[in-house]
Amino acid sequence: MPVALIKLISRMMTKKALKHLGFNFLLVLLSALFLLKCSDSSEAPLVQLKKDAHIALIGNNLCSRMMNYGHFETELHLRFPDSLLFVRNMCDGGNTPGFRPHSGRNHPWAFPGAEQFHAELANPSGSKGHLESEDEWLSRLKTDIILAFFGYNESFAGTEGLENYKAELDAFIKHTLKQKYNGHSTPQLVIISPIAFQDLSYMHDLPDGKMENRLLKIYSSAMREIAQKNNVPFLDVFSQTKKWYVL
């Protein structure tokens, strides 16, 4: 994680706040994504943010819960008040890079060939509807930037499911980078890891997170590997949140 990013977050949030605010820190991380460089060198920013940029969030329940609040959009507009940013959240719990079911769609696949990664779900459901596909929605939104949140529910497949997930994520990235949702250029894509599992077993009848975090670390590392392989930015929020949860 960029040193400058850590310094910015440290200035914005106290240790006590980080411990109790749940996933809201993620909103600060993502906002900083548009501000800071990959390192303290002269490298280009992770994301080139232009005026009137259209930003789409896709993924599973981490970003789906962000629909309950307006923090992320607020942080962006505060930092870029003259940019007229357009932000849409398309996330839904249970989504994966290739499997994104909806009762209003004729099939649940996010891109051609995605069914090979979920053979157990590849039986025709018989659903019929008129809801646009993922690609059609992103085209309707004229998407310039995609923030992709995956890896948490996929981690429940354990180490035996890791290679399949890596192949699915790789296929998703390659498919996405071939599209021109805004009509003229390929989207800027950022892959975002899952957050850590917070140990609340002292308060509630919940797991302590040791096994979950072991798998989340493995899956987050795999996401970094696939993102680097495809030369797309990767934001590791697992490592940092795991540190914050033990403050």
Protein backbone atom coordinates (compact mmCIF):
# COMPACT_ATOMS: atom_id res chain seq x y z
CA MET A 1 0.00 0.00 0.00
CA PRO A 2 1.38 3.47 -0.85
CA VAL A 3 3.07 5.20 2.08
CA ALA A 4 1.32 8.45 1.20
CA LEU A 5 -2.04 6.71 1.41
CA ILE A 6 -1.34 5.43 4.91
CA LYS A 7 -0.23 8.89 6.02
CA LEU A 8 -3.38 10.49 4.64
CA ILE A 9 -5.65 8.01 6.39
CA SER A 10 -3.75 8.44 9.64
CA ARG A 11 -4.40 12.17 9.50
CA MET A 12 -8.07 11.73 8.70
CA MET A 13 -9.00 9.07 11.24
CA THR A 14 -7.98 8.34 14.83
CA LYS A 15 -7.17 4.86 16.07
CA LYS A 16 -10.34 4.80 18.12
CA ALA A 17 -12.41 5.71 15.08
CA LEU A 18 -10.73 3.07 12.95
CA LYS A 19 -11.53 0.41 15.51
CA HIS A 20 -15.24 1.15 15.71
CA LEU A 21 -16.30 2.49 12.32
CA GLY A 22 -16.53 -0.91 10.63
CA PHE A 23 -15.98 -0.71 6.88
CA ASN A 24 -16.40 3.08 6.57
CA PHE A 25 -12.61 3.45 6.43
CA LEU A 26 -12.85 1.76 3.06
CA LEU A 27 -14.60 4.81 1.70
CA VAL A 28 -11.57 6.91 2.66
CA LEU A 29 -9.26 4.39 1.01
CA LEU A 30 -11.22 4.46 -2.20
CA SER A 31 -11.46 8.23 -2.25
CA ALA A 32 -7.71 8.42 -1.75
CA LEU A 33 -7.30 6.06 -4.67
CA PHE A 34 -8.12 8.92 -7.01
CA LEU A 35 -5.77 11.32 -5.23
CA LEU A 36 -2.57 9.46 -4.59
CA LYS A 37 0.13 7.81 -6.65
CA CYS A 38 1.14 4.16 -6.54
CA SER A 39 4.25 5.13 -4.63
CA ASP A 40 6.16 8.16 -3.49
CA SER A 41 7.91 8.32 -6.87
CA SER A 42 6.77 10.10 -10.02
CA GLU A 43 4.56 7.24 -11.19
CA ALA A 44 1.16 8.08 -12.64
CA PRO A 45 -1.91 7.99 -10.36
CA LEU A 46 -3.72 4.68 -10.08
CA VAL A 47 -6.76 6.24 -11.73
CA GLN A 48 -6.92 9.20 -14.09
CA LEU A 49 -9.97 11.14 -12.99
CA LYS A 50 -11.36 13.53 -15.57
CA LYS A 51 -14.28 15.92 -15.45
CA ASP A 52 -17.65 14.23 -15.98
CA ALA A 53 -16.10 10.80 -15.32
CA HIS A 54 -18.59 7.95 -14.97
CA ILE A 55 -17.64 5.57 -12.15
CA ALA A 56 -19.28 2.17 -11.62
CA LEU A 57 -18.89 -0.08 -8.59
CA ILE A 58 -19.37 -3.80 -9.17
CA GLY A 59 -18.94 -6.76 -6.86
CA ASN A 60 -20.45 -8.42 -3.84
CA ASN A 61 -21.77 -7.48 -0.42
CA LEU A 62 -18.93 -5.24 0.75
CA CYS A 63 -19.77 -2.58 -1.81
CA SER A 64 -23.46 -3.52 -1.83
CA ARG A 65 -23.68 -2.34 1.79
CA MET A 66 -22.22 0.97 0.69
CA MET A 67 -25.60 1.67 -0.90
CA ASN A 68 -26.97 2.14 2.60
CA TYR A 69 -24.79 5.22 3.06
CA GLY A 70 -23.59 8.12 0.97
CA HIS A 71 -20.09 8.36 2.41
CA PHE A 72 -18.11 7.28 -0.65
CA GLU A 73 -19.90 9.59 -3.05
CA THR A 74 -19.67 12.41 -0.51
CA GLU A 75 -15.91 11.93 -0.09
CA LEU A 76 -15.41 12.01 -3.86
CA HIS A 77 -17.50 15.12 -4.43
CA LEU A 78 -15.81 16.92 -1.53
CA ARG A 79 -12.40 16.26 -3.04
CA PHE A 80 -13.42 16.99 -6.62
CA PRO A 81 -16.22 19.58 -6.32
CA ASP A 82 -15.88 20.80 -9.92
CA SER A 83 -15.56 17.39 -11.58
CA LEU A 84 -19.29 16.62 -11.92
CA LEU A 85 -18.64 12.96 -11.15
CA PHE A 86 -21.25 10.34 -12.00
CA VAL A 87 -21.23 7.36 -9.59
CA ARG A 88 -23.39 4.22 -9.77
CA ASN A 89 -23.29 1.18 -7.48
CA MET A 90 -24.18 -2.10 -9.25
CA CYS A 91 -23.02 -4.44 -6.47
CA ASP A 92 -25.09 -7.28 -5.06
CA GLY A 93 -24.35 -9.84 -2.36
CA GLY A 94 -23.15 -13.15 -3.79
CA ASN A 95 -21.86 -11.75 -7.06
CA THR A 96 -18.57 -13.05 -8.42
CA PRO A 97 -16.52 -11.87 -11.41
CA GLY A 98 -18.48 -14.18 -13.70
CA PHE A 99 -21.67 -15.14 -11.83
CA ARG A 100 -24.12 -12.26 -11.25
CA PRO A 101 -27.65 -13.66 -11.14
CA HIS A 102 -30.81 -11.59 -11.32
CA SER A 103 -34.39 -12.80 -11.60
CA GLY A 104 -35.00 -10.35 -14.44
CA ARG A 105 -32.23 -11.74 -16.66
CA ASN A 106 -32.27 -14.67 -19.02
CA HIS A 107 -28.97 -15.97 -17.64
CA PRO A 108 -26.64 -15.13 -14.72
CA TRP A 109 -23.31 -14.86 -16.58
CA ALA A 110 -21.40 -11.58 -16.58
CA PHE A 111 -19.40 -12.37 -19.71
CA PRO A 112 -19.25 -15.12 -22.37
CA GLY A 113 -17.67 -18.30 -21.05
CA ALA A 114 -18.19 -17.45 -17.37
CA GLU A 115 -20.30 -20.58 -16.91
CA GLN A 116 -17.18 -22.76 -17.07
CA PHE A 117 -16.12 -21.44 -13.66
CA HIS A 118 -19.41 -22.38 -11.99
CA ALA A 119 -20.34 -25.74 -13.46
CA GLU A 120 -22.62 -26.48 -10.51
CA LEU A 121 -24.70 -23.39 -11.37
CA ALA A 122 -24.64 -23.76 -15.15
CA ASN A 123 -27.99 -25.55 -15.44
CA PRO A 124 -30.56 -23.33 -17.21
CA SER A 125 -32.75 -21.69 -14.59
CA GLY A 126 -35.63 -21.02 -16.91
CA SER A 127 -35.71 -17.38 -15.84
CA LYS A 128 -37.03 -14.94 -18.39
CA GLY A 129 -36.83 -11.20 -18.28
CA HIS A 130 -35.80 -8.00 -19.91
CA LEU A 131 -33.19 -6.66 -17.48
CA GLU A 132 -30.07 -5.67 -19.33
CA SER A 133 -26.89 -7.71 -18.97
CA GLU A 134 -23.90 -6.44 -17.00
CA ASP A 135 -22.17 -5.23 -20.16
CA GLU A 136 -25.35 -3.55 -21.39
CA TRP A 137 -25.78 -1.75 -18.08
CA LEU A 138 -22.19 -0.53 -18.06
CA SER A 139 -22.64 0.69 -21.63
CA ARG A 140 -25.88 2.48 -20.73
CA LEU A 141 -23.98 4.19 -17.90
CA LYS A 142 -21.16 5.12 -20.32
CA THR A 143 -18.70 3.82 -17.73
CA ASP A 144 -15.16 5.22 -17.66
CA ILE A 145 -13.91 3.73 -14.37
CA ILE A 146 -14.80 0.39 -12.76
CA LEU A 147 -14.06 -0.44 -9.12
CA ALA A 148 -14.39 -4.22 -8.75
CA PHE A 149 -14.91 -5.70 -5.26
CA PHE A 150 -14.53 -9.47 -5.20
CA GLY A 151 -12.89 -12.28 -3.22
CA TYR A 152 -14.88 -12.59 0.02
CA ASN A 153 -17.65 -15.07 -0.75
CA GLU A 154 -15.31 -16.76 -3.23
CA SER A 155 -12.92 -17.50 -0.34
CA PHE A 156 -15.43 -19.93 1.16
CA ALA A 157 -14.42 -22.37 -1.60
CA GLY A 158 -11.17 -22.80 0.33
CA THR A 159 -7.74 -23.52 -1.07
CA GLU A 160 -9.19 -26.12 -3.43
CA GLY A 161 -11.23 -23.40 -5.16
CA LEU A 162 -8.37 -20.92 -5.49
CA GLU A 163 -7.16 -21.79 -8.97
CA ASN A 164 -10.70 -21.68 -10.35
CA TYR A 165 -11.20 -18.23 -8.82
CA LYS A 166 -7.91 -16.97 -10.26
CA ALA A 167 -8.97 -18.19 -13.71
CA GLU A 168 -12.39 -16.56 -13.34
CA LEU A 169 -10.91 -13.23 -12.23
CA ASP A 170 -8.36 -13.34 -15.04
CA ALA A 171 -11.11 -13.98 -17.61
CA PHE A 172 -13.19 -11.14 -16.17
CA ILE A 173 -10.30 -8.68 -16.37
CA LYS A 174 -9.43 -9.67 -19.92
CA HIS A 175 -13.06 -9.36 -21.00
CA THR A 176 -13.49 -5.96 -19.31
CA LEU A 177 -10.35 -4.50 -20.87
CA LYS A 178 -11.69 -5.34 -24.34
CA GLN A 179 -14.85 -3.29 -23.85
CA LYS A 180 -15.56 0.36 -24.63
CA TYR A 181 -18.50 1.08 -22.37
CA ASN A 182 -18.21 4.83 -22.84
CA GLY A 183 -18.19 4.40 -26.61
CA HIS A 184 -14.59 5.42 -27.28
CA SER A 185 -12.05 3.97 -24.81
CA THR A 186 -11.42 0.94 -22.62
CA PRO A 187 -12.43 1.39 -18.97
CA GLN A 188 -9.99 2.03 -16.18
CA LEU A 189 -10.33 -1.02 -13.94
CA VAL A 190 -9.27 -1.34 -10.30
CA ILE A 191 -9.38 -4.69 -8.46
CA ILE A 192 -10.15 -4.35 -4.73
CA SER A 193 -9.53 -7.10 -2.20
CA PRO A 194 -11.99 -8.13 0.51
CA ILE A 195 -11.56 -6.64 3.97
CA ALA A 196 -10.40 -8.74 6.91
CA PHE A 197 -12.74 -10.68 9.18
CA GLN A 198 -13.08 -8.78 12.46
CA ASP A 199 -13.00 -10.84 15.64
CA LEU A 200 -16.16 -9.96 17.58
CA SER A 201 -16.43 -13.33 19.31
CA TYR A 202 -15.98 -11.63 22.69
CA MET A 203 -19.24 -9.75 22.05
CA HIS A 204 -21.32 -12.14 19.95
CA ASP A 205 -21.62 -15.82 19.11
CA LEU A 206 -19.39 -15.49 16.06
CA PRO A 207 -16.20 -17.12 14.72
CA ASP A 208 -12.94 -15.52 15.81
CA GLY A 209 -11.96 -15.07 12.17
CA LYS A 210 -8.67 -16.99 12.26
CA MET A 211 -9.66 -19.51 9.60
CA GLU A 212 -11.54 -16.89 7.58
CA ASN A 213 -8.58 -14.49 7.57
CA ARG A 214 -6.19 -17.25 6.56
CA LEU A 215 -8.27 -17.85 3.44
CA LEU A 216 -8.91 -14.16 2.81
CA LYS A 217 -5.17 -13.52 2.86
CA ILE A 218 -4.62 -16.30 0.32
CA TYR A 219 -7.37 -15.01 -1.94
CA SER A 220 -6.21 -11.40 -1.65
CA SER A 221 -2.68 -12.41 -2.61
CA ALA A 222 -4.08 -14.29 -5.61
CA MET A 223 -6.03 -11.19 -6.65
CA ARG A 224 -2.84 -9.13 -6.50
CA GLU A 225 -1.09 -11.71 -8.67
CA ILE A 226 -3.81 -11.71 -11.33
CA ALA A 227 -4.13 -7.91 -11.31
CA GLN A 228 -0.37 -7.49 -11.79
CA LYS A 229 -0.39 -10.10 -14.54
CA ASN A 230 -2.96 -8.00 -16.41
CA ASN A 231 -1.32 -4.67 -15.54
CA VAL A 232 -4.34 -3.27 -13.67
CA PRO A 233 -4.25 -1.51 -10.27
CA PHE A 234 -4.90 -3.58 -7.15
CA LEU A 235 -5.98 -2.12 -3.81
CA ASP A 236 -5.14 -4.33 -0.82
CA VAL A 237 -7.64 -3.41 1.87
CA PHE A 238 -7.33 -6.82 3.56
CA SER A 239 -3.84 -6.23 5.00
CA GLN A 240 -4.58 -2.78 6.32
CA THR A 241 -7.95 -3.65 7.84
CA LYS A 242 -6.48 -6.67 9.58
CA LYS A 243 -4.04 -4.31 11.31
CA TRP A 244 -6.76 -1.85 12.21
CA TYR A 245 -9.03 -4.50 13.69
CA VAL A 246 -6.44 -5.33 16.39
CA LEU A 247 -5.79 -1.72 17.45
